[in-house]
Amino acid sequence: NFRLYDEAFICGPAAMMDETEAALKALGMPDKTIHLERFNTPGTRVKRSVNVQSDGQKVTVRQDGRDREIVLNADDESILDAAL
């Protein structure tokens, strides 16, 4: 019974968020208790800067409390992609 929950916070890919929101509403969760955090809109392409020299750059990423050094290459779309 989703009416027992105070709030729902949804973040993720747009299609998943839309489906989750619809499912929670169908299960009886009030609209005002469902919160969405969208980082971009569907179909929006992130533009990559053409003047950035990232190839070979070292970046320190902290994940799960541990630091890890990664080296970027020209194929990486973002630091997150390189870290994964």
PDB file of N, CA and C in Angstrom:
ATOM      1  N   ASN A   1       0.840  -1.183   0.000  1.00  0.00           N
ATOM      2  CA  ASN A   1       0.000   0.000   0.000  1.00  0.00           C
ATOM      3  C   ASN A   1       0.884   1.245   0.000  1.00  0.00           C
ATOM      4  N   PHE A   2       0.972   1.912  -1.125  1.00  0.00           N
ATOM      5  CA  PHE A   2       1.863   3.058  -1.262  1.00  0.00           C
ATOM      6  C   PHE A   2       1.324   4.307  -0.588  1.00  0.00           C
ATOM      7  N   ARG A   3       0.103   4.304  -0.105  1.00  0.00           N
ATOM      8  CA  ARG A   3      -0.415   5.443   0.654  1.00  0.00           C
ATOM      9  C   ARG A   3       0.265   5.545   2.011  1.00  0.00           C
ATOM     10  N   LEU A   4       0.923   4.487   2.438  1.00  0.00           N
ATOM     11  CA  LEU A   4       1.603   4.486   3.733  1.00  0.00           C
ATOM     12  C   LEU A   4       2.923   5.239   3.700  1.00  0.00           C
ATOM     13  N   TYR A   5       3.459   5.498   2.520  1.00  0.00           N
ATOM     14  CA  TYR A   5       4.740   6.188   2.395  1.00  0.00           C
ATOM     15  C   TYR A   5       4.513   7.692   2.349  1.00  0.00           C
ATOM     16  N   ASP A   6       5.392   8.434   3.041  1.00  0.00           N
ATOM     17  CA  ASP A   6       5.264   9.892   3.088  1.00  0.00           C
ATOM     18  C   ASP A   6       5.609  10.545   1.756  1.00  0.00           C
ATOM     19  N   GLU A   7       6.699  10.118   1.140  1.00  0.00           N
ATOM     20  CA  GLU A   7       7.204  10.757  -0.071  1.00  0.00           C
ATOM     21  C   GLU A   7       7.876   9.710  -0.963  1.00  0.00           C
ATOM     22  N   ALA A   8       7.962  10.026  -2.245  1.00  0.00           N
ATOM     23  CA  ALA A   8       8.745   9.227  -3.187  1.00  0.00           C
ATOM     24  C   ALA A   8       9.601  10.193  -3.996  1.00  0.00           C
ATOM     25  N   PHE A   9      10.873   9.881  -4.107  1.00  0.00           N
ATOM     26  CA  PHE A   9      11.807  10.700  -4.877  1.00  0.00           C
ATOM     27  C   PHE A   9      12.324   9.850  -6.031  1.00  0.00           C
ATOM     28  N   ILE A  10      12.136  10.338  -7.252  1.00  0.00           N
ATOM     29  CA  ILE A  10      12.486   9.568  -8.441  1.00  0.00           C
ATOM     30  C   ILE A  10      13.532  10.325  -9.240  1.00  0.00           C
ATOM     31  N   CYS A  11      14.604   9.622  -9.592  1.00  0.00           N
ATOM     32  CA  CYS A  11      15.669  10.203 -10.399  1.00  0.00           C
ATOM     33  C   CYS A  11      16.218   9.096 -11.294  1.00  0.00           C
ATOM     34  N   GLY A  12      16.456   9.411 -12.549  1.00  0.00           N
ATOM     35  CA  GLY A  12      16.990   8.406 -13.461  1.00  0.00           C
ATOM     36  C   GLY A  12      16.642   8.752 -14.892  1.00  0.00           C
ATOM     37  N   PRO A  13      16.742   7.788 -15.789  1.00  0.00           N
ATOM     38  CA  PRO A  13      16.381   8.031 -17.185  1.00  0.00           C
ATOM     39  C   PRO A  13      14.914   8.461 -17.295  1.00  0.00           C
ATOM     40  N   ALA A  14      14.626   9.352 -18.224  1.00  0.00           N
ATOM     41  CA  ALA A  14      13.292   9.948 -18.348  1.00  0.00           C
ATOM     42  C   ALA A  14      12.181   8.903 -18.462  1.00  0.00           C
ATOM     43  N   ALA A  15      12.364   7.905 -19.306  1.00  0.00           N
ATOM     44  CA  ALA A  15      11.316   6.890 -19.496  1.00  0.00           C
ATOM     45  C   ALA A  15      11.049   6.126 -18.205  1.00  0.00           C
ATOM     46  N   MET A  16      12.105   5.788 -17.468  1.00  0.00           N
ATOM     47  CA  MET A  16      11.937   5.076 -16.209  1.00  0.00           C
ATOM     48  C   MET A  16      11.203   5.947 -15.194  1.00  0.00           C
ATOM     49  N   MET A  17      11.566   7.238 -15.148  1.00  0.00           N
ATOM     50  CA  MET A  17      10.918   8.147 -14.208  1.00  0.00           C
ATOM     51  C   MET A  17       9.427   8.269 -14.516  1.00  0.00           C
ATOM     52  N   ASP A  18       9.090   8.416 -15.788  1.00  0.00           N
ATOM     53  CA  ASP A  18       7.687   8.545 -16.185  1.00  0.00           C
ATOM     54  C   ASP A  18       6.895   7.296 -15.821  1.00  0.00           C
ATOM     55  N   GLU A  19       7.463   6.127 -16.080  1.00  0.00           N
ATOM     56  CA  GLU A  19       6.781   4.870 -15.769  1.00  0.00           C
ATOM     57  C   GLU A  19       6.631   4.678 -14.262  1.00  0.00           C
ATOM     58  N   THR A  20       7.662   5.038 -13.502  1.00  0.00           N
ATOM     59  CA  THR A  20       7.605   4.905 -12.046  1.00  0.00           C
ATOM     60  C   THR A  20       6.558   5.841 -11.465  1.00  0.00           C
ATOM     61  N   GLU A  21       6.544   7.082 -11.945  1.00  0.00           N
ATOM     62  CA  GLU A  21       5.548   8.049 -11.471  1.00  0.00           C
ATOM     63  C   GLU A  21       4.132   7.545 -11.756  1.00  0.00           C
ATOM     64  N   ALA A  22       3.897   7.061 -12.962  1.00  0.00           N
ATOM     65  CA  ALA A  22       2.570   6.546 -13.328  1.00  0.00           C
ATOM     66  C   ALA A  22       2.181   5.351 -12.459  1.00  0.00           C
ATOM     67  N   ALA A  23       3.139   4.465 -12.199  1.00  0.00           N
ATOM     68  CA  ALA A  23       2.859   3.283 -11.375  1.00  0.00           C
ATOM     69  C   ALA A  23       2.509   3.683  -9.947  1.00  0.00           C
ATOM     70  N   LEU A  24       3.260   4.631  -9.380  1.00  0.00           N
ATOM     71  CA  LEU A  24       2.978   5.075  -8.013  1.00  0.00           C
ATOM     72  C   LEU A  24       1.598   5.722  -7.918  1.00  0.00           C
ATOM     73  N   LYS A  25       1.242   6.523  -8.913  1.00  0.00           N
ATOM     74  CA  LYS A  25      -0.085   7.146  -8.927  1.00  0.00           C
ATOM     75  C   LYS A  25      -1.172   6.081  -9.035  1.00  0.00           C
ATOM     76  N   ALA A  26      -0.959   5.088  -9.897  1.00  0.00           N
ATOM     77  CA  ALA A  26      -1.934   4.013 -10.073  1.00  0.00           C
ATOM     78  C   ALA A  26      -2.104   3.193  -8.796  1.00  0.00           C
ATOM     79  N   LEU A  27      -1.046   3.129  -7.993  1.00  0.00           N
ATOM     80  CA  LEU A  27      -1.097   2.380  -6.736  1.00  0.00           C
ATOM     81  C   LEU A  27      -1.647   3.219  -5.587  1.00  0.00           C
ATOM     82  N   GLY A  28      -2.037   4.462  -5.894  1.00  0.00           N
ATOM     83  CA  GLY A  28      -2.701   5.278  -4.884  1.00  0.00           C
ATOM     84  C   GLY A  28      -1.847   6.308  -4.182  1.00  0.00           C
ATOM     85  N   MET A  29      -0.622   6.493  -4.597  1.00  0.00           N
ATOM     86  CA  MET A  29       0.223   7.500  -3.956  1.00  0.00           C
ATOM     87  C   MET A  29      -0.210   8.881  -4.457  1.00  0.00           C
ATOM     88  N   PRO A  30      -0.465   9.829  -3.551  1.00  0.00           N
ATOM     89  CA  PRO A  30      -0.907  11.166  -3.964  1.00  0.00           C
ATOM     90  C   PRO A  30       0.154  11.902  -4.785  1.00  0.00           C
ATOM     91  N   ASP A  31      -0.312  12.665  -5.784  1.00  0.00           N
ATOM     92  CA  ASP A  31       0.598  13.417  -6.664  1.00  0.00           C
ATOM     93  C   ASP A  31       1.569  14.294  -5.889  1.00  0.00           C
ATOM     94  N   LYS A  32       1.072  14.960  -4.848  1.00  0.00           N
ATOM     95  CA  LYS A  32       1.911  15.925  -4.127  1.00  0.00           C
ATOM     96  C   LYS A  32       3.062  15.266  -3.361  1.00  0.00           C
ATOM     97  N   THR A  33       3.036  13.945  -3.233  1.00  0.00           N
ATOM     98  CA  THR A  33       4.108  13.253  -2.510  1.00  0.00           C
ATOM     99  C   THR A  33       5.138  12.613  -3.441  1.00  0.00           C
ATOM    100  N   ILE A  34       4.930  12.770  -4.742  1.00  0.00           N
ATOM    101  CA  ILE A  34       5.854  12.202  -5.732  1.00  0.00           C
ATOM    102  C   ILE A  34       6.714  13.329  -6.293  1.00  0.00           C
ATOM    103  N   HIS A  35       8.016  13.203  -6.133  1.00  0.00           N
ATOM    104  CA  HIS A  35       8.951  14.244  -6.559  1.00  0.00           C
ATOM    105  C   HIS A  35       9.893  13.686  -7.627  1.00  0.00           C
ATOM    106  N   LEU A  36      10.071  14.459  -8.699  1.00  0.00           N
ATOM    107  CA  LEU A  36      10.943  14.059  -9.804  1.00  0.00           C
ATOM    108  C   LEU A  36      12.122  15.013  -9.888  1.00  0.00           C
ATOM    109  N   GLU A  37      13.290  14.474 -10.172  1.00  0.00           N
ATOM    110  CA  GLU A  37      14.474  15.302 -10.394  1.00  0.00           C
ATOM    111  C   GLU A  37      15.008  14.975 -11.784  1.00  0.00           C
ATOM    112  N   ARG A  38      14.752  15.893 -12.699  1.00  0.00           N
ATOM    113  CA  ARG A  38      15.182  15.702 -14.087  1.00  0.00           C
ATOM    114  C   ARG A  38      16.428  16.538 -14.350  1.00  0.00           C
ATOM    115  N   PHE A  39      17.438  15.915 -14.943  1.00  0.00           N
ATOM    116  CA  PHE A  39      18.679  16.617 -15.247  1.00  0.00           C
ATOM    117  C   PHE A  39      18.695  17.161 -16.667  1.00  0.00           C
ATOM    118  N   ASN A  40      17.913  16.584 -17.531  1.00  0.00           N
ATOM    119  CA  ASN A  40      17.745  17.113 -18.882  1.00  0.00           C
ATOM    120  C   ASN A  40      16.426  16.584 -19.415  1.00  0.00           C
ATOM    121  N   THR A  41      16.027  17.095 -20.540  1.00  0.00           N
ATOM    122  CA  THR A  41      14.756  16.672 -21.104  1.00  0.00           C
ATOM    123  C   THR A  41      14.996  15.629 -22.186  1.00  0.00           C
ATOM    124  N   PRO A  42      14.018  14.770 -22.439  1.00  0.00           N
ATOM    125  CA  PRO A  42      14.189  13.745 -23.470  1.00  0.00           C
ATOM    126  C   PRO A  42      14.517  14.386 -24.817  1.00  0.00           C
ATOM    127  N   GLY A  43      15.448  13.791 -25.507  1.00  0.00           N
ATOM    128  CA  GLY A  43      15.825  14.289 -26.817  1.00  0.00           C
ATOM    129  C   GLY A  43      16.867  15.384 -26.794  1.00  0.00           C
ATOM    130  N   THR A  44      17.208  15.864 -25.605  1.00  0.00           N
ATOM    131  CA  THR A  44      18.225  16.904 -25.508  1.00  0.00           C
ATOM    132  C   THR A  44      19.599  16.266 -25.613  1.00  0.00           C
ATOM    133  N   ARG A  45      20.380  16.734 -26.555  1.00  0.00           N
ATOM    134  CA  ARG A  45      21.736  16.212 -26.697  1.00  0.00           C
ATOM    135  C   ARG A  45      22.687  17.122 -25.944  1.00  0.00           C
ATOM    136  N   VAL A  46      23.567  16.510 -25.201  1.00  0.00           N
ATOM    137  CA  VAL A  46      24.582  17.269 -24.491  1.00  0.00           C
ATOM    138  C   VAL A  46      25.673  17.633 -25.482  1.00  0.00           C
ATOM    139  N   LYS A  47      25.971  18.913 -25.563  1.00  0.00           N
ATOM    140  CA  LYS A  47      27.007  19.357 -26.488  1.00  0.00           C
ATOM    141  C   LYS A  47      28.359  19.284 -25.800  1.00  0.00           C
ATOM    142  N   ARG A  48      29.296  18.731 -26.490  1.00  0.00           N
ATOM    143  CA  ARG A  48      30.644  18.587 -25.963  1.00  0.00           C
ATOM    144  C   ARG A  48      31.493  19.743 -26.468  1.00  0.00           C
ATOM    145  N   SER A  49      32.263  20.321 -25.576  1.00  0.00           N
ATOM    146  CA  SER A  49      33.131  21.426 -25.957  1.00  0.00           C
ATOM    147  C   SER A  49      34.182  20.926 -26.933  1.00  0.00           C
ATOM    148  N   VAL A  50      34.404  21.670 -27.996  1.00  0.00           N
ATOM    149  CA  VAL A  50      35.354  21.228 -29.011  1.00  0.00           C
ATOM    150  C   VAL A  50      36.775  21.674 -28.704  1.00  0.00           C
ATOM    151  N   ASN A  51      36.952  22.574 -27.759  1.00  0.00           N
ATOM    152  CA  ASN A  51      38.280  23.113 -27.485  1.00  0.00           C
ATOM    153  C   ASN A  51      38.957  22.501 -26.264  1.00  0.00           C
ATOM    154  N   VAL A  52      38.383  21.473 -25.700  1.00  0.00           N
ATOM    155  CA  VAL A  52      38.939  20.871 -24.493  1.00  0.00           C
ATOM    156  C   VAL A  52      39.883  19.740 -24.875  1.00  0.00           C
ATOM    157  N   GLN A  53      41.097  19.792 -24.379  1.00  0.00           N
ATOM    158  CA  GLN A  53      42.074  18.713 -24.585  1.00  0.00           C
ATOM    159  C   GLN A  53      42.007  17.787 -23.379  1.00  0.00           C
ATOM    160  N   SER A  54      41.186  16.758 -23.453  1.00  0.00           N
ATOM    161  CA  SER A  54      41.054  15.843 -22.324  1.00  0.00           C
ATOM    162  C   SER A  54      41.900  14.592 -22.480  1.00  0.00           C
ATOM    163  N   ASP A  55      42.302  14.279 -23.694  1.00  0.00           N
ATOM    164  CA  ASP A  55      43.059  13.058 -23.946  1.00  0.00           C
ATOM    165  C   ASP A  55      44.348  13.049 -23.129  1.00  0.00           C
ATOM    166  N   GLY A  56      44.502  12.024 -22.296  1.00  0.00           N
ATOM    167  CA  GLY A  56      45.704  11.873 -21.486  1.00  0.00           C
ATOM    168  C   GLY A  56      45.656  12.586 -20.147  1.00  0.00           C
ATOM    169  N   GLN A  57      44.596  13.355 -19.888  1.00  0.00           N
ATOM    170  CA  GLN A  57      44.483  14.067 -18.614  1.00  0.00           C
ATOM    171  C   GLN A  57      44.157  13.080 -17.497  1.00  0.00           C
ATOM    172  N   LYS A  58      44.755  13.307 -16.335  1.00  0.00           N
ATOM    173  CA  LYS A  58      44.498  12.462 -15.171  1.00  0.00           C
ATOM    174  C   LYS A  58      43.445  13.127 -14.295  1.00  0.00           C
ATOM    175  N   VAL A  59      42.519  12.307 -13.806  1.00  0.00           N
ATOM    176  CA  VAL A  59      41.439  12.780 -12.952  1.00  0.00           C
ATOM    177  C   VAL A  59      41.332  11.824 -11.773  1.00  0.00           C
ATOM    178  N   THR A  60      41.140  12.376 -10.583  1.00  0.00           N
ATOM    179  CA  THR A  60      40.914  11.541  -9.408  1.00  0.00           C
ATOM    180  C   THR A  60      39.419  11.489  -9.136  1.00  0.00           C
ATOM    181  N   VAL A  61      38.891  10.284  -9.048  1.00  0.00           N
ATOM    182  CA  VAL A  61      37.468  10.066  -8.813  1.00  0.00           C
ATOM    183  C   VAL A  61      37.309   9.397  -7.456  1.00  0.00           C
ATOM    184  N   ARG A  62      36.411   9.933  -6.633  1.00  0.00           N
ATOM    185  CA  ARG A  62      36.122   9.295  -5.342  1.00  0.00           C
ATOM    186  C   ARG A  62      34.809   8.537  -5.488  1.00  0.00           C
ATOM    187  N   GLN A  63      34.887   7.238  -5.269  1.00  0.00           N
ATOM    188  CA  GLN A  63      33.714   6.379  -5.391  1.00  0.00           C
ATOM    189  C   GLN A  63      33.682   5.441  -4.202  1.00  0.00           C
ATOM    190  N   ASP A  64      32.559   5.417  -3.510  1.00  0.00           N
ATOM    191  CA  ASP A  64      32.399   4.568  -2.326  1.00  0.00           C
ATOM    192  C   ASP A  64      33.502   4.817  -1.308  1.00  0.00           C
ATOM    193  N   GLY A  65      33.896   6.093  -1.150  1.00  0.00           N
ATOM    194  CA  GLY A  65      34.894   6.459  -0.151  1.00  0.00           C
ATOM    195  C   GLY A  65      36.328   6.182  -0.545  1.00  0.00           C
ATOM    196  N   ARG A  66      36.555   5.699  -1.759  1.00  0.00           N
ATOM    197  CA  ARG A  66      37.915   5.403  -2.213  1.00  0.00           C
ATOM    198  C   ARG A  66      38.281   6.284  -3.395  1.00  0.00           C
ATOM    199  N   ASP A  67      39.514   6.771  -3.385  1.00  0.00           N
ATOM    200  CA  ASP A  67      40.011   7.568  -4.504  1.00  0.00           C
ATOM    201  C   ASP A  67      40.631   6.653  -5.547  1.00  0.00           C
ATOM    202  N   ARG A  68      40.353   6.981  -6.815  1.00  0.00           N
ATOM    203  CA  ARG A  68      40.908   6.207  -7.920  1.00  0.00           C
ATOM    204  C   ARG A  68      41.316   7.188  -9.008  1.00  0.00           C
ATOM    205  N   GLU A  69      42.529   7.040  -9.497  1.00  0.00           N
ATOM    206  CA  GLU A  69      43.000   7.910 -10.569  1.00  0.00           C
ATOM    207  C   GLU A  69      42.724   7.249 -11.911  1.00  0.00           C
ATOM    208  N   ILE A  70      42.118   8.019 -12.817  1.00  0.00           N
ATOM    209  CA  ILE A  70      41.850   7.519 -14.159  1.00  0.00           C
ATOM    210  C   ILE A  70      42.494   8.459 -15.170  1.00  0.00           C
ATOM    211  N   VAL A  71      42.769   7.937 -16.329  1.00  0.00           N
ATOM    212  CA  VAL A  71      43.330   8.738 -17.418  1.00  0.00           C
ATOM    213  C   VAL A  71      42.268   8.824 -18.509  1.00  0.00           C
ATOM    214  N   LEU A  72      41.912  10.046 -18.886  1.00  0.00           N
ATOM    215  CA  LEU A  72      40.890  10.258 -19.906  1.00  0.00           C
ATOM    216  C   LEU A  72      41.449   9.992 -21.292  1.00  0.00           C
ATOM    217  N   ASN A  73      40.571   9.573 -22.195  1.00  0.00           N
ATOM    218  CA  ASN A  73      40.979   9.452 -23.594  1.00  0.00           C
ATOM    219  C   ASN A  73      39.951  10.159 -24.470  1.00  0.00           C
ATOM    220  N   ALA A  74      40.268  10.349 -25.709  1.00  0.00           N
ATOM    221  CA  ALA A  74      39.433  11.141 -26.617  1.00  0.00           C
ATOM    222  C   ALA A  74      38.043  10.541 -26.822  1.00  0.00           C
ATOM    223  N   ASP A  75      37.869   9.258 -26.583  1.00  0.00           N
ATOM    224  CA  ASP A  75      36.575   8.607 -26.791  1.00  0.00           C
ATOM    225  C   ASP A  75      35.611   8.779 -25.624  1.00  0.00           C
ATOM    226  N   ASP A  76      36.100   9.233 -24.471  1.00  0.00           N
ATOM    227  CA  ASP A  76      35.244   9.391 -23.296  1.00  0.00           C
ATOM    228  C   ASP A  76      34.264  10.537 -23.513  1.00  0.00           C
ATOM    229  N   GLU A  77      32.986  10.268 -23.284  1.00  0.00           N
ATOM    230  CA  GLU A  77      31.962  11.310 -23.401  1.00  0.00           C
ATOM    231  C   GLU A  77      32.003  12.242 -22.198  1.00  0.00           C
ATOM    232  N   SER A  78      32.396  11.707 -21.043  1.00  0.00           N
ATOM    233  CA  SER A  78      32.428  12.494 -19.810  1.00  0.00           C
ATOM    234  C   SER A  78      33.372  11.820 -18.821  1.00  0.00           C
ATOM    235  N   ILE A  79      33.644  12.511 -17.734  1.00  0.00           N
ATOM    236  CA  ILE A  79      34.460  11.915 -16.670  1.00  0.00           C
ATOM    237  C   ILE A  79      33.725  10.708 -16.095  1.00  0.00           C
ATOM    238  N   LEU A  80      32.414  10.808 -15.965  1.00  0.00           N
ATOM    239  CA  LEU A  80      31.633   9.679 -15.457  1.00  0.00           C
ATOM    240  C   LEU A  80      31.794   8.459 -16.350  1.00  0.00           C
ATOM    241  N   ASP A  81      31.697   8.639 -17.659  1.00  0.00           N
ATOM    242  CA  ASP A  81      31.888   7.512 -18.583  1.00  0.00           C
ATOM    243  C   ASP A  81      33.268   6.890 -18.416  1.00  0.00           C
ATOM    244  N   ALA A  82      34.281   7.717 -18.270  1.00  0.00           N
ATOM    245  CA  ALA A  82      35.644   7.207 -18.102  1.00  0.00           C
ATOM    246  C   ALA A  82      35.772   6.433 -16.794  1.00  0.00           C
ATOM    247  N   ALA A  83      35.102   6.897 -15.762  1.00  0.00           N
ATOM    248  CA  ALA A  83      35.192   6.253 -14.451  1.00  0.00           C
ATOM    249  C   ALA A  83      34.473   4.913 -14.425  1.00  0.00           C
ATOM    250  N   LEU A  84      33.430   4.794 -15.224  1.00  0.00           N
ATOM    251  CA  LEU A  84      32.669   3.538 -15.231  1.00  0.00           C
ATOM    252  C   LEU A  84      33.408   2.494 -16.027  1.00  0.00           C
TER     253      LEU A  84
END
